[in-house]
Amino acid sequence: MHEWRKQIARDPNDVSAIFALANAHVSLEEFVPALRNYEKVTLSATQDTNIRWAAFLNVGELRGKLGYYPTSESLDAFNAAFHLKPYRVEPLYQAAKLCREKQSYPMAFVYATAAVAIPVPENETFMIDIDTYTWKVPLEFAWAAAHMGFKEMTRDAMHEFLESNAPTSVKDEALNVIKKVFIDERS
């Protein structure tokens, strides 16, 4: 971290160094300074779309994780990331997940519905998390559809999810959550 701070002292506009410092803070679970540095990157005039996209994505995640920011501020960051790279699913996935966790099921469904329509980008290599495309998005969509009471959509999404490469423990947990949603609905 000392190395990145020295570089930033030499050039306060070095977004790569600011971004790297933010990543270092995250690895040490120092989320507030990480967030401040990611926010600096999002406000910069950098033409590096990859770094700005990742910074917006991280701002959204950290605002949600810290818990004292309104959900709308996290969603604004996810929307900004999606605007930069509308062929990437990660911001939509994170937005759907956050909305579900906040029990805003209609919005979770909207984000998850958009996310399931996006395939793995063919010409993109920057920070691709293949699990997000192959099983995290279908699972998030299944949960959102279940909470909305859309049983057929839930069943189809769960079928896709269960055919994926998701870890068995995640599959078991997901089945229990879906069952609980439908059992609670009948109670």
N, C-alpha and C. Protein backbone atom coordinates (compact mmCIF):
# COMPACT_ATOMS: atom_id res chain seq x y z
N MET A 1 0.81 -1.18 0.00
CA MET A 1 0.00 0.00 0.00
C MET A 1 0.86 1.26 0.00
N HIS A 2 1.98 1.15 0.65
CA HIS A 2 2.90 2.28 0.72
C HIS A 2 3.32 2.70 -0.70
N GLU A 3 3.56 1.72 -1.53
CA GLU A 3 3.96 1.98 -2.92
C GLU A 3 2.89 2.79 -3.68
N TRP A 4 1.61 2.41 -3.49
CA TRP A 4 0.53 3.12 -4.19
C TRP A 4 0.38 4.54 -3.65
N ARG A 5 0.53 4.69 -2.33
CA ARG A 5 0.43 6.03 -1.74
C ARG A 5 1.53 6.95 -2.26
N LYS A 6 2.74 6.40 -2.40
CA LYS A 6 3.84 7.20 -2.95
C LYS A 6 3.54 7.63 -4.38
N GLN A 7 3.03 6.71 -5.17
CA GLN A 7 2.68 7.03 -6.56
C GLN A 7 1.60 8.11 -6.62
N ILE A 8 0.60 8.02 -5.75
CA ILE A 8 -0.48 9.01 -5.73
C ILE A 8 0.06 10.37 -5.27
N ALA A 9 1.03 10.35 -4.34
CA ALA A 9 1.64 11.62 -3.90
C ALA A 9 2.38 12.29 -5.07
N ARG A 10 3.02 11.47 -5.92
CA ARG A 10 3.71 12.01 -7.12
C ARG A 10 2.71 12.50 -8.15
N ASP A 11 1.62 11.74 -8.33
CA ASP A 11 0.62 12.08 -9.33
C ASP A 11 -0.77 11.81 -8.76
N PRO A 12 -1.39 12.81 -8.16
CA PRO A 12 -2.70 12.63 -7.52
C PRO A 12 -3.82 12.21 -8.49
N ASN A 13 -3.56 12.31 -9.79
CA ASN A 13 -4.57 11.94 -10.78
C ASN A 13 -4.33 10.56 -11.40
N ASP A 14 -3.42 9.79 -10.84
CA ASP A 14 -3.12 8.46 -11.35
C ASP A 14 -4.22 7.49 -10.91
N VAL A 15 -5.23 7.34 -11.76
CA VAL A 15 -6.39 6.52 -11.39
C VAL A 15 -6.03 5.05 -11.22
N SER A 16 -5.04 4.58 -11.93
CA SER A 16 -4.63 3.18 -11.76
C SER A 16 -4.08 2.97 -10.35
N ALA A 17 -3.30 3.93 -9.85
CA ALA A 17 -2.75 3.82 -8.50
C ALA A 17 -3.86 3.97 -7.45
N ILE A 18 -4.79 4.89 -7.69
CA ILE A 18 -5.91 5.07 -6.76
C ILE A 18 -6.76 3.81 -6.70
N PHE A 19 -7.01 3.23 -7.88
CA PHE A 19 -7.79 1.99 -7.95
C PHE A 19 -7.06 0.85 -7.24
N ALA A 20 -5.77 0.74 -7.46
CA ALA A 20 -4.98 -0.31 -6.80
C ALA A 20 -4.98 -0.12 -5.29
N LEU A 21 -4.88 1.12 -4.83
CA LEU A 21 -4.93 1.40 -3.39
C LEU A 21 -6.29 0.99 -2.82
N ALA A 22 -7.35 1.29 -3.54
CA ALA A 22 -8.69 0.87 -3.10
C ALA A 22 -8.77 -0.64 -2.99
N ASN A 23 -8.24 -1.35 -3.99
CA ASN A 23 -8.24 -2.82 -3.93
C ASN A 23 -7.45 -3.33 -2.73
N ALA A 24 -6.33 -2.67 -2.42
CA ALA A 24 -5.53 -3.07 -1.26
C ALA A 24 -6.33 -2.87 0.03
N HIS A 25 -7.06 -1.77 0.11
CA HIS A 25 -7.89 -1.54 1.29
C HIS A 25 -8.96 -2.64 1.42
N VAL A 26 -9.56 -3.03 0.31
CA VAL A 26 -10.58 -4.09 0.35
C VAL A 26 -9.95 -5.39 0.86
N SER A 27 -8.76 -5.71 0.37
CA SER A 27 -8.13 -6.97 0.80
C SER A 27 -7.84 -6.97 2.30
N LEU A 28 -7.70 -5.78 2.90
CA LEU A 28 -7.48 -5.66 4.34
C LEU A 28 -8.80 -5.41 5.10
N GLU A 29 -9.92 -5.48 4.37
CA GLU A 29 -11.25 -5.23 4.91
C GLU A 29 -11.38 -3.83 5.50
N GLU A 30 -10.69 -2.89 4.89
CA GLU A 30 -10.79 -1.47 5.24
C GLU A 30 -11.72 -0.83 4.21
N PHE A 31 -13.03 -1.01 4.43
CA PHE A 31 -14.00 -0.69 3.40
C PHE A 31 -14.25 0.81 3.21
N VAL A 32 -14.18 1.59 4.26
CA VAL A 32 -14.43 3.03 4.11
C VAL A 32 -13.35 3.70 3.26
N PRO A 33 -12.04 3.50 3.57
CA PRO A 33 -11.05 4.11 2.68
C PRO A 33 -11.09 3.53 1.26
N ALA A 34 -11.45 2.25 1.14
CA ALA A 34 -11.58 1.66 -0.19
C ALA A 34 -12.68 2.39 -0.97
N LEU A 35 -13.82 2.58 -0.32
CA LEU A 35 -14.94 3.27 -0.97
C LEU A 35 -14.54 4.67 -1.40
N ARG A 36 -13.87 5.41 -0.53
CA ARG A 36 -13.45 6.78 -0.88
C ARG A 36 -12.57 6.78 -2.13
N ASN A 37 -11.66 5.81 -2.22
CA ASN A 37 -10.77 5.75 -3.39
C ASN A 37 -11.51 5.31 -4.65
N TYR A 38 -12.40 4.34 -4.54
CA TYR A 38 -13.20 3.96 -5.71
C TYR A 38 -14.04 5.14 -6.19
N GLU A 39 -14.61 5.89 -5.24
CA GLU A 39 -15.40 7.06 -5.63
C GLU A 39 -14.55 8.09 -6.37
N LYS A 40 -13.29 8.25 -5.95
CA LYS A 40 -12.39 9.17 -6.67
C LYS A 40 -12.22 8.72 -8.12
N VAL A 41 -12.10 7.42 -8.32
CA VAL A 41 -11.93 6.91 -9.68
C VAL A 41 -13.19 7.18 -10.50
N THR A 42 -14.37 6.99 -9.90
CA THR A 42 -15.61 7.21 -10.66
C THR A 42 -15.77 8.67 -11.06
N LEU A 43 -15.21 9.57 -10.26
CA LEU A 43 -15.32 11.00 -10.54
C LEU A 43 -14.21 11.52 -11.45
N SER A 44 -13.24 10.68 -11.73
CA SER A 44 -12.09 11.10 -12.54
C SER A 44 -12.48 11.23 -14.01
N ALA A 45 -11.60 11.84 -14.75
CA ALA A 45 -11.81 12.02 -16.19
C ALA A 45 -11.12 10.92 -16.99
N THR A 46 -10.80 9.81 -16.34
CA THR A 46 -10.09 8.74 -17.04
C THR A 46 -10.90 8.20 -18.21
N GLN A 47 -10.19 7.85 -19.25
CA GLN A 47 -10.81 7.25 -20.42
C GLN A 47 -10.77 5.72 -20.33
N ASP A 48 -10.21 5.21 -19.25
CA ASP A 48 -10.11 3.76 -19.06
C ASP A 48 -11.47 3.24 -18.58
N THR A 49 -12.25 2.77 -19.52
CA THR A 49 -13.60 2.29 -19.21
C THR A 49 -13.57 1.12 -18.25
N ASN A 50 -12.58 0.25 -18.37
CA ASN A 50 -12.50 -0.91 -17.48
C ASN A 50 -12.39 -0.48 -16.02
N ILE A 51 -11.48 0.45 -15.76
CA ILE A 51 -11.27 0.89 -14.38
C ILE A 51 -12.49 1.63 -13.86
N ARG A 52 -13.07 2.50 -14.65
CA ARG A 52 -14.27 3.22 -14.19
C ARG A 52 -15.43 2.25 -13.95
N TRP A 53 -15.61 1.28 -14.86
CA TRP A 53 -16.67 0.29 -14.69
C TRP A 53 -16.48 -0.48 -13.39
N ALA A 54 -15.27 -0.98 -13.15
CA ALA A 54 -14.99 -1.74 -11.93
C ALA A 54 -15.16 -0.86 -10.70
N ALA A 55 -14.75 0.39 -10.80
CA ALA A 55 -14.89 1.30 -9.65
C ALA A 55 -16.36 1.52 -9.32
N PHE A 56 -17.20 1.77 -10.32
CA PHE A 56 -18.63 1.93 -10.06
C PHE A 56 -19.22 0.66 -9.44
N LEU A 57 -18.84 -0.49 -9.98
CA LEU A 57 -19.34 -1.75 -9.44
C LEU A 57 -18.93 -1.91 -7.97
N ASN A 58 -17.68 -1.59 -7.66
CA ASN A 58 -17.19 -1.70 -6.29
C ASN A 58 -17.84 -0.67 -5.37
N VAL A 59 -18.10 0.53 -5.87
CA VAL A 59 -18.79 1.55 -5.07
C VAL A 59 -20.17 1.02 -4.68
N GLY A 60 -20.90 0.47 -5.65
CA GLY A 60 -22.22 -0.08 -5.35
C GLY A 60 -22.16 -1.19 -4.31
N GLU A 61 -21.20 -2.10 -4.47
CA GLU A 61 -21.08 -3.21 -3.53
C GLU A 61 -20.72 -2.72 -2.13
N LEU A 62 -19.76 -1.81 -2.04
CA LEU A 62 -19.33 -1.33 -0.73
C LEU A 62 -20.40 -0.49 -0.04
N ARG A 63 -21.11 0.32 -0.79
CA ARG A 63 -22.20 1.09 -0.17
C ARG A 63 -23.23 0.13 0.42
N GLY A 64 -23.52 -0.94 -0.30
CA GLY A 64 -24.46 -1.94 0.22
C GLY A 64 -23.90 -2.66 1.43
N LYS A 65 -22.64 -3.01 1.37
CA LYS A 65 -22.00 -3.76 2.47
C LYS A 65 -21.91 -2.92 3.74
N LEU A 66 -21.58 -1.64 3.59
CA LEU A 66 -21.43 -0.77 4.76
C LEU A 66 -22.78 -0.51 5.44
N GLY A 67 -23.84 -0.53 4.67
CA GLY A 67 -25.17 -0.47 5.24
C GLY A 67 -25.71 0.89 5.64
N TYR A 68 -24.90 1.92 5.69
CA TYR A 68 -25.43 3.21 6.09
C TYR A 68 -25.65 4.16 4.92
N TYR A 69 -25.61 3.63 3.74
CA TYR A 69 -25.96 4.40 2.54
C TYR A 69 -27.35 3.96 2.09
N PRO A 70 -28.15 4.88 1.57
CA PRO A 70 -29.44 4.45 1.02
C PRO A 70 -29.23 3.47 -0.13
N THR A 71 -30.13 2.53 -0.25
CA THR A 71 -30.06 1.55 -1.33
C THR A 71 -29.96 2.25 -2.68
N SER A 72 -30.63 3.37 -2.83
CA SER A 72 -30.62 4.09 -4.11
C SER A 72 -29.21 4.51 -4.52
N GLU A 73 -28.34 4.80 -3.55
CA GLU A 73 -26.97 5.18 -3.90
C GLU A 73 -26.18 4.00 -4.44
N SER A 74 -26.42 2.82 -3.89
CA SER A 74 -25.78 1.63 -4.46
C SER A 74 -26.32 1.36 -5.86
N LEU A 75 -27.63 1.47 -6.01
CA LEU A 75 -28.24 1.22 -7.33
C LEU A 75 -27.76 2.23 -8.36
N ASP A 76 -27.57 3.48 -7.95
CA ASP A 76 -27.03 4.49 -8.87
C ASP A 76 -25.66 4.06 -9.39
N ALA A 77 -24.82 3.54 -8.50
CA ALA A 77 -23.49 3.09 -8.91
C ALA A 77 -23.58 1.89 -9.84
N PHE A 78 -24.45 0.93 -9.52
CA PHE A 78 -24.61 -0.24 -10.40
C PHE A 78 -25.15 0.19 -11.77
N ASN A 79 -26.09 1.12 -11.78
CA ASN A 79 -26.63 1.62 -13.05
C ASN A 79 -25.55 2.33 -13.87
N ALA A 80 -24.69 3.08 -13.20
CA ALA A 80 -23.59 3.76 -13.91
C ALA A 80 -22.63 2.74 -14.52
N ALA A 81 -22.34 1.68 -13.77
CA ALA A 81 -21.47 0.63 -14.31
C ALA A 81 -22.12 -0.02 -15.52
N PHE A 82 -23.41 -0.33 -15.42
CA PHE A 82 -24.11 -0.94 -16.54
C PHE A 82 -24.13 -0.02 -17.75
N HIS A 83 -24.28 1.27 -17.52
CA HIS A 83 -24.28 2.24 -18.61
C HIS A 83 -22.94 2.22 -19.36
N LEU A 84 -21.84 2.05 -18.62
CA LEU A 84 -20.52 2.00 -19.26
C LEU A 84 -20.33 0.73 -20.09
N LYS A 85 -20.87 -0.37 -19.61
CA LYS A 85 -20.71 -1.66 -20.30
C LYS A 85 -22.05 -2.40 -20.26
N PRO A 86 -22.97 -2.06 -21.15
CA PRO A 86 -24.30 -2.68 -21.12
C PRO A 86 -24.32 -4.14 -21.55
N TYR A 87 -23.19 -4.66 -21.92
CA TYR A 87 -23.09 -6.08 -22.29
C TYR A 87 -22.54 -6.90 -21.12
N ARG A 88 -22.38 -6.28 -19.96
CA ARG A 88 -21.89 -6.99 -18.78
C ARG A 88 -23.02 -7.17 -17.77
N VAL A 89 -23.12 -8.34 -17.20
CA VAL A 89 -24.23 -8.69 -16.32
C VAL A 89 -23.97 -8.36 -14.85
N GLU A 90 -22.72 -8.18 -14.46
CA GLU A 90 -22.38 -8.05 -13.05
C GLU A 90 -23.13 -6.93 -12.33
N PRO A 91 -23.23 -5.71 -12.91
CA PRO A 91 -23.97 -4.67 -12.18
C PRO A 91 -25.45 -5.01 -11.98
N LEU A 92 -26.06 -5.63 -12.98
CA LEU A 92 -27.47 -6.01 -12.85
C LEU A 92 -27.64 -7.10 -11.80
N TYR A 93 -26.72 -8.05 -11.80
CA TYR A 93 -26.76 -9.11 -10.79
C TYR A 93 -26.64 -8.52 -9.38
N GLN A 94 -25.66 -7.63 -9.20
CA GLN A 94 -25.47 -7.03 -7.87
C GLN A 94 -26.69 -6.20 -7.46
N ALA A 95 -27.28 -5.50 -8.40
CA ALA A 95 -28.48 -4.70 -8.10
C ALA A 95 -29.64 -5.61 -7.72
N ALA A 96 -29.84 -6.70 -8.45
CA ALA A 96 -30.91 -7.64 -8.13
C ALA A 96 -30.70 -8.25 -6.75
N LYS A 97 -29.48 -8.63 -6.47
CA LYS A 97 -29.16 -9.25 -5.18
C LYS A 97 -29.42 -8.26 -4.04
N LEU A 98 -28.97 -7.03 -4.20
CA LEU A 98 -29.19 -6.01 -3.17
C LEU A 98 -30.69 -5.76 -2.95
N CYS A 99 -31.43 -5.64 -4.04
CA CYS A 99 -32.87 -5.41 -3.91
C CYS A 99 -33.55 -6.59 -3.20
N ARG A 100 -33.15 -7.80 -3.54
CA ARG A 100 -33.73 -8.97 -2.86
C ARG A 100 -33.40 -8.94 -1.37
N GLU A 101 -32.14 -8.64 -1.05
CA GLU A 101 -31.73 -8.59 0.35
C GLU A 101 -32.49 -7.52 1.13
N LYS A 102 -32.86 -6.44 0.44
CA LYS A 102 -33.63 -5.35 1.07
C LYS A 102 -35.14 -5.60 0.95
N GLN A 103 -35.51 -6.76 0.46
CA GLN A 103 -36.90 -7.19 0.29
C GLN A 103 -37.68 -6.28 -0.66
N SER A 104 -36.98 -5.72 -1.62
CA SER A 104 -37.62 -4.95 -2.68
C SER A 104 -37.75 -5.90 -3.88
N TYR A 105 -38.66 -6.85 -3.75
CA TYR A 105 -38.75 -7.95 -4.71
C TYR A 105 -39.13 -7.52 -6.12
N PRO A 106 -40.03 -6.55 -6.30
CA PRO A 106 -40.31 -6.14 -7.69
C PRO A 106 -39.07 -5.59 -8.40
N MET A 107 -38.27 -4.79 -7.70
CA MET A 107 -37.06 -4.26 -8.33
C MET A 107 -36.03 -5.37 -8.54
N ALA A 108 -35.94 -6.29 -7.60
CA ALA A 108 -35.03 -7.42 -7.78
C ALA A 108 -35.41 -8.19 -9.04
N PHE A 109 -36.71 -8.36 -9.24
CA PHE A 109 -37.19 -9.07 -10.42
C PHE A 109 -36.84 -8.32 -11.71
N VAL A 110 -36.99 -7.00 -11.70
CA VAL A 110 -36.67 -6.19 -12.89
C VAL A 110 -35.19 -6.35 -13.24
N TYR A 111 -34.31 -6.17 -12.27
CA TYR A 111 -32.87 -6.29 -12.53
C TYR A 111 -32.51 -7.72 -12.95
N ALA A 112 -33.06 -8.71 -12.26
CA ALA A 112 -32.73 -10.11 -12.58
C ALA A 112 -33.23 -10.49 -13.97
N THR A 113 -34.39 -9.99 -14.34
CA THR A 113 -34.94 -10.27 -15.68
C THR A 113 -34.02 -9.71 -16.76
N ALA A 114 -33.54 -8.50 -16.54
CA ALA A 114 -32.59 -7.92 -17.52
C ALA A 114 -31.29 -8.72 -17.54
N ALA A 115 -30.85 -9.17 -16.38
CA ALA A 115 -29.56 -9.88 -16.29
C ALA A 115 -29.59 -11.22 -17.03
N VAL A 116 -30.68 -11.98 -16.91
CA VAL A 116 -30.71 -13.30 -17.54
C VAL A 116 -30.67 -13.23 -19.06
N ALA A 117 -30.96 -12.07 -19.61
CA ALA A 117 -30.96 -11.91 -21.08
C ALA A 117 -29.56 -11.65 -21.64
N ILE A 118 -28.57 -11.45 -20.78
CA ILE A 118 -27.24 -11.07 -21.24
C ILE A 118 -26.31 -12.30 -21.24
N PRO A 119 -25.79 -12.64 -22.42
CA PRO A 119 -24.87 -13.79 -22.49
C PRO A 119 -23.45 -13.39 -22.06
N VAL A 120 -22.62 -14.39 -21.87
CA VAL A 120 -21.21 -14.14 -21.57
C VAL A 120 -20.63 -13.37 -22.75
N PRO A 121 -19.98 -12.22 -22.49
CA PRO A 121 -19.42 -11.44 -23.61
C PRO A 121 -18.30 -12.22 -24.31
N GLU A 122 -18.33 -12.21 -25.62
CA GLU A 122 -17.34 -12.97 -26.39
C GLU A 122 -16.00 -12.27 -26.49
N ASN A 123 -15.99 -10.96 -26.56
CA ASN A 123 -14.74 -10.23 -26.79
C ASN A 123 -14.29 -9.44 -25.57
N GLU A 124 -14.67 -9.88 -24.41
CA GLU A 124 -14.34 -9.18 -23.17
C GLU A 124 -13.57 -10.14 -22.26
N THR A 125 -12.50 -9.66 -21.70
CA THR A 125 -11.72 -10.50 -20.77
C THR A 125 -11.55 -9.85 -19.41
N PHE A 126 -11.88 -8.57 -19.29
CA PHE A 126 -11.64 -7.83 -18.06
C PHE A 126 -12.59 -8.28 -16.95
N MET A 127 -12.04 -8.89 -15.91
CA MET A 127 -12.76 -9.26 -14.70
C MET A 127 -14.04 -10.07 -14.96
N ILE A 128 -13.98 -11.01 -15.84
CA ILE A 128 -15.16 -11.85 -16.09
C ILE A 128 -15.24 -12.90 -14.99
N ASP A 129 -16.36 -12.92 -14.29
CA ASP A 129 -16.63 -13.96 -13.30
C ASP A 129 -17.65 -14.90 -13.94
N ILE A 130 -17.16 -15.97 -14.49
CA ILE A 130 -18.02 -16.88 -15.27
C ILE A 130 -19.15 -17.44 -14.42
N ASP A 131 -18.91 -17.62 -13.11
CA ASP A 131 -19.98 -18.12 -12.23
C ASP A 131 -21.17 -17.16 -12.19
N THR A 132 -20.92 -15.88 -12.30
CA THR A 132 -22.02 -14.92 -12.30
C THR A 132 -22.93 -15.18 -13.50
N TYR A 133 -22.35 -15.49 -14.63
CA TYR A 133 -23.13 -15.74 -15.85
C TYR A 133 -23.80 -17.12 -15.83
N THR A 134 -23.07 -18.14 -15.33
CA THR A 134 -23.57 -19.51 -15.48
C THR A 134 -24.52 -19.94 -14.38
N TRP A 135 -24.36 -19.43 -13.15
CA TRP A 135 -25.30 -19.88 -12.12
C TRP A 135 -25.77 -18.80 -11.15
N LYS A 136 -25.02 -17.75 -10.92
CA LYS A 136 -25.47 -16.74 -9.96
C LYS A 136 -26.67 -15.96 -10.48
N VAL A 137 -26.63 -15.58 -11.75
CA VAL A 137 -27.76 -14.84 -12.33
C VAL A 137 -29.01 -15.72 -12.42
N PRO A 138 -28.92 -16.96 -12.93
CA PRO A 138 -30.13 -17.79 -12.93
C PRO A 138 -30.70 -18.01 -11.53
N LEU A 139 -29.85 -18.15 -10.53
CA LEU A 139 -30.34 -18.32 -9.17
C LEU A 139 -31.02 -17.05 -8.67
N GLU A 140 -30.40 -15.91 -8.92
CA GLU A 140 -31.00 -14.64 -8.49
C GLU A 140 -32.36 -14.44 -9.17
N PHE A 141 -32.42 -14.79 -10.45
CA PHE A 141 -33.70 -14.69 -11.17
C PHE A 141 -34.73 -15.62 -10.56
N ALA A 142 -34.33 -16.84 -10.22
CA ALA A 142 -35.26 -17.80 -9.61
C ALA A 142 -35.80 -17.26 -8.28
N TRP A 143 -34.90 -16.71 -7.47
CA TRP A 143 -35.34 -16.16 -6.19
C TRP A 143 -36.30 -14.99 -6.40
N ALA A 144 -35.97 -14.11 -7.33
CA ALA A 144 -36.82 -12.95 -7.60
C ALA A 144 -38.19 -13.41 -8.10
N ALA A 145 -38.19 -14.35 -9.03
CA ALA A 145 -39.46 -14.86 -9.56
C ALA A 145 -40.27 -15.54 -8.47
N ALA A 146 -39.60 -16.27 -7.60
CA ALA A 146 -40.31 -16.95 -6.49
C ALA A 146 -40.96 -15.92 -5.57
N HIS A 147 -40.22 -14.89 -5.22
CA HIS A 147 -40.78 -13.87 -4.33
C HIS A 147 -41.93 -13.10 -4.98
N MET A 148 -41.95 -13.07 -6.30
CA MET A 148 -43.05 -12.42 -7.00
C MET A 148 -44.23 -13.37 -7.21
N GLY A 149 -44.04 -14.65 -6.88
CA GLY A 149 -45.11 -15.64 -7.03
C GLY A 149 -45.22 -16.21 -8.42
N PHE A 150 -44.20 -16.07 -9.24
CA PHE A 150 -44.20 -16.58 -10.61
C PHE A 150 -43.65 -18.00 -10.61
N LYS A 151 -44.51 -18.95 -10.36
CA LYS A 151 -44.07 -20.33 -10.14
C LYS A 151 -43.44 -20.96 -11.37
N GLU A 152 -44.03 -20.75 -12.54
CA GLU A 152 -43.48 -21.37 -13.75
C GLU A 152 -42.09 -20.80 -14.07
N MET A 153 -41.94 -19.50 -13.95
CA MET A 153 -40.62 -18.87 -14.16
C MET A 153 -39.61 -19.40 -13.14
N THR A 154 -40.06 -19.52 -11.90
CA THR A 154 -39.18 -20.02 -10.85
C THR A 154 -38.73 -21.44 -11.18
N ARG A 155 -39.67 -22.28 -11.57
CA ARG A 155 -39.34 -23.66 -11.90
C ARG A 155 -38.33 -23.72 -13.05
N ASP A 156 -38.57 -22.96 -14.11
CA ASP A 156 -37.66 -22.97 -15.26
C ASP A 156 -36.27 -22.45 -14.88
N ALA A 157 -36.23 -21.38 -14.10
CA ALA A 157 -34.94 -20.81 -13.68
C ALA A 157 -34.20 -21.77 -12.76
N MET A 158 -34.94 -22.42 -11.86
CA MET A 158 -34.30 -23.38 -10.95
C MET A 158 -33.75 -24.58 -11.73
N HIS A 159 -34.49 -25.00 -12.76
CA HIS A 159 -34.00 -26.10 -13.59
C HIS A 159 -32.66 -25.71 -14.23
N GLU A 160 -32.59 -24.50 -14.81
CA GLU A 160 -31.35 -24.03 -15.41
C GLU A 160 -30.25 -23.95 -14.36
N PHE A 161 -30.58 -23.40 -13.19
CA PHE A 161 -29.61 -23.27 -12.12
C PHE A 161 -29.09 -24.64 -11.67
N LEU A 162 -29.98 -25.60 -11.48
CA LEU A 162 -29.58 -26.92 -10.99
C LEU A 162 -28.74 -27.68 -12.01
N GLU A 163 -28.84 -27.31 -13.30
CA GLU A 163 -28.01 -27.91 -14.34
C GLU A 163 -26.63 -27.23 -14.43
N SER A 164 -26.45 -26.15 -13.70
CA SER A 164 -25.21 -25.37 -13.79
C SER A 164 -24.08 -26.01 -12.98
N ASN A 165 -22.96 -25.31 -12.98
CA ASN A 165 -21.78 -25.78 -12.25
C ASN A 165 -21.72 -25.22 -10.83
N ALA A 166 -22.85 -24.78 -10.30
CA ALA A 166 -22.88 -24.23 -8.94
C ALA A 166 -22.48 -25.30 -7.93
N PRO A 167 -21.83 -24.89 -6.86
CA PRO A 167 -21.48 -25.86 -5.81
C PRO A 167 -22.73 -26.52 -5.23
N THR A 168 -22.61 -27.77 -4.86
CA THR A 168 -23.74 -28.53 -4.32
C THR A 168 -24.34 -27.84 -3.10
N SER A 169 -23.50 -27.29 -2.25
CA SER A 169 -24.02 -26.62 -1.04
C SER A 169 -24.91 -25.43 -1.41
N VAL A 170 -24.55 -24.72 -2.46
CA VAL A 170 -25.36 -23.58 -2.91
C VAL A 170 -26.67 -24.09 -3.50
N LYS A 171 -26.61 -25.18 -4.25
CA LYS A 171 -27.83 -25.76 -4.82
C LYS A 171 -28.79 -26.19 -3.72
N ASP A 172 -28.25 -26.84 -2.69
CA ASP A 172 -29.10 -27.28 -1.58
C ASP A 172 -29.74 -26.10 -0.86
N GLU A 173 -28.95 -25.08 -0.59
CA GLU A 173 -29.46 -23.88 0.08
C GLU A 173 -30.54 -23.21 -0.77
N ALA A 174 -30.30 -23.13 -2.08
CA ALA A 174 -31.26 -22.49 -2.97
C ALA A 174 -32.59 -23.24 -2.98
N LEU A 175 -32.53 -24.54 -3.03
CA LEU A 175 -33.77 -25.34 -3.02
C LEU A 175 -34.54 -25.10 -1.73
N ASN A 176 -33.84 -25.02 -0.61
CA ASN A 176 -34.51 -24.77 0.67
C ASN A 176 -35.16 -23.39 0.70
N VAL A 177 -34.49 -22.38 0.16
CA VAL A 177 -35.05 -21.03 0.13
C VAL A 177 -36.30 -21.00 -0.75
N ILE A 178 -36.21 -21.60 -1.93
CA ILE A 178 -37.36 -21.60 -2.85
C ILE A 178 -38.54 -22.33 -2.21
N LYS A 179 -38.29 -23.46 -1.58
CA LYS A 179 -39.37 -24.20 -0.91
C LYS A 179 -39.99 -23.33 0.17
N LYS A 180 -39.17 -22.65 0.95
CA LYS A 180 -39.67 -21.80 2.03
C LYS A 180 -40.54 -20.69 1.46
N VAL A 181 -40.13 -20.08 0.38
CA VAL A 181 -40.92 -19.00 -0.23
C VAL A 181 -42.32 -19.53 -0.58
N PHE A 182 -42.38 -20.69 -1.21
CA PHE A 182 -43.67 -21.22 -1.63
C PHE A 182 -44.48 -21.76 -0.46
N ILE A 183 -43.83 -22.29 0.56
CA ILE A 183 -44.56 -22.75 1.76
C ILE A 183 -45.11 -21.55 2.52
N ASP A 184 -44.32 -20.49 2.68
CA ASP A 184 -44.78 -19.28 3.36
C ASP A 184 -45.94 -18.66 2.63
N GLU A 185 -45.94 -18.77 1.30
CA GLU A 185 -47.01 -18.19 0.49
C GLU A 185 -48.34 -18.87 0.78
N ARG A 186 -48.30 -20.19 1.05
CA ARG A 186 -49.53 -20.94 1.31
C ARG A 186 -50.03 -20.76 2.74
N SER A 187 -49.14 -20.35 3.64
CA SER A 187 -49.52 -20.20 5.06
C SER A 187 -50.42 -19.01 5.29
